[in-house]
Structures are given as structure tokens and as C-alpha cells.
Amino acid sequence: MLNNSKKIIRQSPKTKGSTLLYKQVKTDLIESLRKSEWRPGEALPSEAKLASKYGVGISTVRAAIAELTIANLLIKIQGKGTFVADHNSNSDIYRFFRLIRKDGEKILPVSQLVSFSKIPSSQKSNDQFNLSDKQKQLGFYNIQNILFVDDSPTIFSTILVPAYLFPGMTKATLLKGSSTLYSVYQKSFGITITRSSEQLVASKADALAVKNLKLNKGDSIIEINRLAYTFGGTLIEKRNSKVNTKLFYYEINEGEL
């Protein structure tokens, strides 16, 4: 819902032109997304209404929206408008699921929860997530799941998230949630993953991979260590994934045409 109060964006006397204006509009739109002013899948007000709200030209609003679309926070649909990206949509799932079958076909994964527990904080995790003393006391949730592709167990992940960000999270929350964990974060707790950082290493199947991915000990796998963030660079999730790549390859696409 659009706040009817007009928020005029003014330029600093030290800067000129429209560059600063669109960046300020972009910053304000990000803040509105962070506060869930518009929910996942919901349409933003028209560009004309946003331009009126901020006291800028439509071209300035379009420039801000274009950058947020490239960043996958917004989606433009021809003839319908601009919408908040939904982590449950197929296009958004492939932002974070990058395995492609070796014949080139993209297959949506199916998630199966293996275990869910609450664990105490450790000094390493406290430091990595930059937790306050009060947040440390709440500990972490430890989640393990398997992603199946073509009915074959393909990725086994161990996931750590700070409990203070997910009040009331339970096993039932995850089981009754959306098709992806990031969609559960978004729809049940108002947390949108905006970016991730990954390190990939060649590895050998350990006991966990053997058990959960139906591999033989010593089989070659890819191990992925991911850190996932929300607005403002707040770390949300630490994830270790063991990947069976016998039938798949890992694909990363960067840049715009």
C-alpha cells in the first residue's frame, strides 16, 4: 500500500544531475522492501505515483527500479507493472539452485527435511553473525535437508541460522511452508535473501554424503559453503552443501546483455 504522505527527495548542494536522485529513490525503495511495505508477489505503485511521491521525474524512478530488477529484488512484467520478487517463483529458485542436468535441462528440486534442532551459540558463529549478548543467548537453529532432482538425492545441506531472526520457528513451520527454505524465510518471517557468497571445493563423499546421497565412500562430490545475506548486508544463513554431480553440472551466469 502506498503511503500518501509525500516524501520529496532533495539533492545535496555538492552534487548535480539525476544520478544522486535515482540512488536516493533506490535507497528508499529498498527500505520499503526491508519493512515489507509491499509483500512478495505484490505490485508496486505505478511509476507515475512513485514519481509523485518522491517529487522526481518518471525517468528517475525507472532508473532506480531497473537496478533493483537487475538485483532480482523486483520483477517487471510487461503490461502489468513492477512486482516484489517472490522466492517461491521458478525464476527466483534458479538464482540459488544452480545445478543443471548434463543434457542441459533445468529441473526444479524437491526439498525433504532431514532434521531440525536448536543449538547453543558458539564463539565462532557469534563472531561471524556479529550477534549481541542478548542475541547470543537465543542460540541457533540447525537445519538439515536433502534436495531431490528427478527423484534422485542430489544435495545434502546443513544450515545454520540465528534464532533471534526467526522467532517461533519450528519443524512444523518448515514442513508446512513453501517449496523452498528461502520462501519460508520470506513469507513466514519477512526476511528476503538479497545476495549470497559461495566457495566451491572438490571433495570426497564422507559419511553424511554416503548416507544421504546414496554414494560410495570416497566418491567425488562438490562441497559448497554459502553465506546468505539480507538488506544492509546482515548475515542470515551459513550453509554447507554436499553435491552429487554425477548427473549434473554447476552453472553460474553473470552480467546483462
Protein backbone atom coordinates (compact mmCIF):
# COMPACT_ATOMS: atom_id res chain seq x y z
CA MET A 1 0.00 0.00 0.00
CA LEU A 2 1.37 3.42 -0.95
CA ASN A 3 1.86 5.87 1.87
CA ASN A 4 0.01 9.03 0.83
CA SER A 5 2.50 11.30 2.59
CA LYS A 6 4.75 12.90 0.02
CA LYS A 7 8.46 12.30 0.50
CA ILE A 8 10.39 14.85 -1.50
CA ILE A 9 13.94 13.79 -2.29
CA ARG A 10 16.36 16.70 -2.38
CA GLN A 11 19.83 16.86 -3.87
CA SER A 12 22.88 17.69 -1.83
CA PRO A 13 24.35 21.08 -2.81
CA LYS A 14 27.63 19.25 -3.51
CA THR A 15 26.10 17.11 -6.27
CA LYS A 16 24.35 17.82 -9.54
CA GLY A 17 22.23 15.96 -12.05
CA SER A 18 19.90 12.98 -11.71
CA THR A 19 22.44 10.36 -10.58
CA LEU A 20 22.07 11.12 -6.89
CA LEU A 21 18.29 11.39 -7.21
CA TYR A 22 17.82 7.90 -8.60
CA LYS A 23 20.18 6.46 -5.99
CA GLN A 24 18.15 8.12 -3.26
CA VAL A 25 14.93 6.74 -4.75
CA LYS A 26 16.58 3.30 -4.94
CA THR A 27 17.63 3.54 -1.27
CA ASP A 28 14.10 4.49 -0.23
CA LEU A 29 12.57 1.63 -2.25
CA ILE A 30 14.98 -0.82 -0.62
CA GLU A 31 13.94 0.47 2.81
CA SER A 32 10.27 -0.04 1.88
CA LEU A 33 11.07 -3.60 0.79
CA ARG A 34 13.00 -4.22 4.01
CA LYS A 35 9.98 -3.07 6.02
CA SER A 36 7.66 -5.27 3.90
CA GLU A 37 5.63 -2.29 2.75
CA TRP A 38 4.93 -4.46 -0.30
CA ARG A 39 4.75 -8.20 0.19
CA PRO A 40 6.37 -10.85 -2.07
CA GLY A 41 4.49 -11.07 -5.36
CA GLU A 42 2.65 -7.78 -4.71
CA ALA A 43 2.68 -4.96 -7.24
CA LEU A 44 4.40 -1.68 -6.51
CA PRO A 45 2.52 1.56 -7.15
CA SER A 46 2.80 2.85 -10.69
CA GLU A 47 5.93 4.69 -11.75
CA ALA A 48 3.86 7.87 -12.00
CA LYS A 49 2.65 7.52 -8.41
CA LEU A 50 6.15 6.83 -7.15
CA ALA A 51 7.48 9.81 -9.09
CA SER A 52 4.81 11.99 -7.50
CA LYS A 53 5.58 10.63 -4.04
CA TYR A 54 9.30 11.39 -4.32
CA GLY A 55 8.93 14.60 -6.30
CA VAL A 56 11.11 13.35 -9.16
CA GLY A 57 10.67 12.52 -12.82
CA ILE A 58 9.45 9.14 -14.06
CA SER A 59 12.84 8.51 -15.70
CA THR A 60 14.49 8.77 -12.26
CA VAL A 61 12.07 6.21 -10.81
CA ARG A 62 12.66 3.91 -13.80
CA ALA A 63 16.43 4.06 -13.29
CA ALA A 64 16.04 3.06 -9.64
CA ILE A 65 13.62 0.24 -10.48
CA ALA A 66 15.92 -1.00 -13.26
CA GLU A 67 18.80 -1.52 -10.82
CA LEU A 68 16.56 -3.33 -8.32
CA THR A 69 15.29 -5.54 -11.14
CA ILE A 70 18.85 -6.46 -12.15
CA ALA A 71 19.49 -7.25 -8.46
CA ASN A 72 16.44 -9.61 -8.56
CA LEU A 73 14.60 -7.71 -5.84
CA LEU A 74 11.88 -6.59 -8.25
CA ILE A 75 10.35 -8.15 -11.36
CA LYS A 76 8.89 -6.17 -14.26
CA ILE A 77 6.03 -7.81 -16.16
CA GLN A 78 5.18 -6.23 -19.49
CA GLY A 79 1.77 -4.61 -19.41
CA LYS A 80 1.20 -5.39 -15.72
CA GLY A 81 3.77 -3.41 -13.75
CA THR A 82 6.56 -4.00 -11.26
CA PHE A 83 6.31 -6.67 -8.56
CA VAL A 84 8.27 -7.71 -5.49
CA ALA A 85 10.34 -10.79 -6.30
CA ASP A 86 8.94 -13.96 -4.73
CA HIS A 87 11.44 -16.62 -3.59
CA ASN A 88 8.81 -19.22 -4.46
CA SER A 89 8.80 -18.37 -8.16
CA ASN A 90 10.65 -20.64 -10.58
CA SER A 91 12.90 -17.83 -11.82
CA ASP A 92 13.95 -16.93 -8.30
CA ILE A 93 14.56 -20.54 -7.29
CA TYR A 94 17.21 -20.78 -10.03
CA ARG A 95 19.04 -17.77 -8.57
CA PHE A 96 20.16 -20.01 -5.72
CA PHE A 97 19.80 -23.51 -7.22
CA ARG A 98 22.40 -23.71 -9.96
CA LEU A 99 22.54 -27.40 -10.87
CA ILE A 100 21.70 -28.24 -14.46
CA ARG A 101 21.22 -31.76 -15.77
CA LYS A 102 24.03 -32.75 -18.12
CA ASP A 103 21.63 -32.78 -21.08
CA GLY A 104 21.05 -29.06 -20.37
CA GLU A 105 17.56 -29.38 -18.89
CA LYS A 106 16.67 -27.43 -15.76
CA ILE A 107 14.73 -29.50 -13.22
CA LEU A 108 13.14 -27.95 -10.16
CA PRO A 109 14.36 -29.56 -6.93
CA VAL A 110 12.10 -31.06 -4.27
CA SER A 111 13.16 -30.47 -0.67
CA GLN A 112 12.96 -33.03 2.13
CA LEU A 113 13.62 -32.02 5.73
CA VAL A 114 16.04 -34.40 7.47
CA SER A 115 16.37 -32.79 10.89
CA PHE A 116 15.62 -29.59 12.81
CA SER A 117 17.04 -28.61 16.18
CA LYS A 118 18.01 -25.65 18.32
CA ILE A 119 21.65 -25.49 19.38
CA PRO A 120 23.69 -23.20 21.65
CA SER A 121 25.77 -20.40 20.24
CA SER A 122 29.48 -20.91 19.63
CA GLN A 123 32.10 -18.20 19.72
CA LYS A 124 32.87 -18.70 16.03
CA SER A 125 29.22 -18.38 14.97
CA ASN A 126 28.60 -15.44 17.31
CA ASP A 127 31.51 -13.59 15.74
CA GLN A 128 30.57 -14.50 12.19
CA PHE A 129 26.96 -13.34 12.62
CA ASN A 130 28.05 -10.37 14.76
CA LEU A 131 25.50 -11.14 17.49
CA SER A 132 24.79 -9.02 20.53
CA ASP A 133 24.90 -10.57 24.01
CA LYS A 134 21.09 -10.85 24.02
CA GLN A 135 21.02 -12.45 20.57
CA LYS A 136 23.71 -14.95 21.56
CA GLN A 137 21.52 -16.24 24.38
CA LEU A 138 18.84 -17.33 21.90
CA GLY A 139 21.23 -19.67 20.08
CA PHE A 140 20.86 -21.02 16.56
CA TYR A 141 18.59 -23.28 14.55
CA ASN A 142 20.32 -26.17 12.80
CA ILE A 143 18.50 -27.45 9.73
CA GLN A 144 19.45 -30.40 7.55
CA ASN A 145 17.69 -31.12 4.27
CA ILE A 146 18.06 -33.03 1.02
CA LEU A 147 17.18 -31.68 -2.41
CA PHE A 148 15.93 -34.32 -4.82
CA VAL A 149 16.16 -33.84 -8.57
CA ASP A 150 14.40 -36.39 -10.79
CA ASP A 151 13.72 -38.36 -7.58
CA SER A 152 17.47 -38.66 -7.00
CA PRO A 153 19.05 -37.26 -3.80
CA THR A 154 21.37 -34.60 -5.16
CA ILE A 155 22.24 -32.04 -2.46
CA PHE A 156 22.56 -32.59 1.29
CA SER A 157 22.78 -29.33 3.26
CA THR A 158 23.48 -28.39 6.85
CA ILE A 159 22.12 -24.90 7.53
CA LEU A 160 22.70 -22.58 10.48
CA VAL A 161 20.52 -19.52 11.18
CA PRO A 162 20.42 -17.29 14.29
CA ALA A 163 17.26 -17.87 16.32
CA TYR A 164 16.67 -14.17 17.05
CA LEU A 165 15.81 -13.61 13.38
CA PHE A 166 13.26 -16.46 13.28
CA PRO A 167 11.13 -16.23 16.43
CA GLY A 168 8.86 -19.23 16.83
CA MET A 169 10.45 -21.29 14.05
CA THR A 170 9.54 -24.96 14.43
CA LYS A 171 9.79 -28.14 12.42
CA ALA A 172 6.12 -27.68 11.56
CA THR A 173 6.87 -24.19 10.19
CA LEU A 174 9.34 -25.70 7.75
CA LEU A 175 7.16 -28.67 6.79
CA LYS A 176 4.06 -26.54 6.19
CA GLY A 177 5.97 -23.74 4.50
CA SER A 178 6.58 -23.01 0.86
CA SER A 179 8.53 -25.13 -1.59
CA THR A 180 11.90 -23.52 -0.76
CA LEU A 181 13.55 -22.59 2.51
CA TYR A 182 14.17 -19.04 1.29
CA SER A 183 10.46 -18.70 0.57
CA VAL A 184 9.74 -19.79 4.17
CA TYR A 185 12.16 -17.11 5.40
CA GLN A 186 10.40 -14.52 3.26
CA LYS A 187 6.76 -15.39 3.82
CA SER A 188 6.80 -16.61 7.43
CA PHE A 189 9.43 -14.26 8.88
CA GLY A 190 9.64 -11.31 6.48
CA ILE A 191 13.29 -11.97 5.61
CA THR A 192 14.35 -11.72 1.98
CA ILE A 193 17.68 -13.15 0.87
CA THR A 194 19.16 -10.48 -1.38
CA ARG A 195 22.55 -11.98 -2.15
CA SER A 196 24.81 -14.92 -1.39
CA SER A 197 28.52 -15.68 -1.41
CA GLU A 198 29.77 -19.19 -2.20
CA GLN A 199 33.03 -21.10 -2.06
CA LEU A 200 33.21 -24.33 -4.07
CA VAL A 201 35.77 -27.05 -3.46
CA ALA A 202 36.29 -30.51 -4.91
CA SER A 203 35.79 -33.10 -2.17
CA LYS A 204 35.18 -36.77 -1.44
CA ALA A 205 31.99 -38.25 -0.06
CA ASP A 206 32.10 -38.53 3.73
CA ALA A 207 29.71 -40.47 5.97
CA LEU A 208 26.97 -37.83 5.68
CA ALA A 209 27.17 -37.78 1.88
CA VAL A 210 27.22 -41.59 1.70
CA LYS A 211 24.15 -41.87 3.91
CA ASN A 212 22.05 -39.07 2.44
CA LEU A 213 23.10 -39.03 -1.22
CA LYS A 214 23.34 -42.80 -1.75
CA LEU A 215 27.03 -42.58 -2.67
CA ASN A 216 30.04 -44.74 -2.00
CA LYS A 217 32.66 -43.51 0.41
CA GLY A 218 35.30 -41.58 -1.50
CA ASP A 219 33.08 -40.72 -4.48
CA SER A 220 33.81 -37.30 -5.94
CA ILE A 221 31.46 -34.51 -4.89
CA ILE A 222 31.38 -30.71 -4.85
CA GLU A 223 31.22 -29.06 -1.44
CA ILE A 224 29.66 -25.59 -1.33
CA ASN A 225 29.98 -23.20 1.60
CA ARG A 226 27.42 -20.40 1.29
CA LEU A 227 26.77 -17.24 3.27
CA ALA A 228 23.39 -15.62 2.56
CA TYR A 229 22.52 -12.01 3.36
CA THR A 230 19.51 -9.71 3.52
CA PHE A 231 19.20 -5.94 3.16
CA GLY A 232 22.01 -3.93 4.68
CA GLY A 233 24.46 -6.82 4.49
CA THR A 234 23.01 -8.65 7.52
CA LEU A 235 24.17 -12.27 7.53
CA ILE A 236 21.15 -14.58 7.68
CA GLU A 237 22.40 -18.05 6.94
CA LYS A 238 25.52 -20.20 6.88
CA ARG A 239 25.15 -23.32 4.73
CA ASN A 240 27.34 -26.29 3.87
CA SER A 241 26.15 -28.39 0.93
CA LYS A 242 27.47 -31.68 -0.39
CA VAL A 243 26.56 -32.12 -4.05
CA ASN A 244 26.34 -35.31 -6.12
CA THR A 245 27.39 -34.14 -9.59
CA LYS A 246 27.30 -37.48 -11.41
CA LEU A 247 24.33 -36.33 -13.49
CA PHE A 248 24.63 -32.56 -13.12
CA TYR A 249 26.93 -29.61 -13.59
CA TYR A 250 27.06 -26.34 -11.66
CA GLU A 251 26.21 -23.24 -13.71
CA ILE A 252 26.83 -19.58 -12.88
CA ASN A 253 25.61 -16.79 -15.16
CA GLU A 254 26.77 -13.24 -14.58
CA GLY A 255 26.14 -9.92 -16.27
CA GLU A 256 23.47 -8.48 -18.52
CA LEU A 257 23.34 -8.42 -22.32
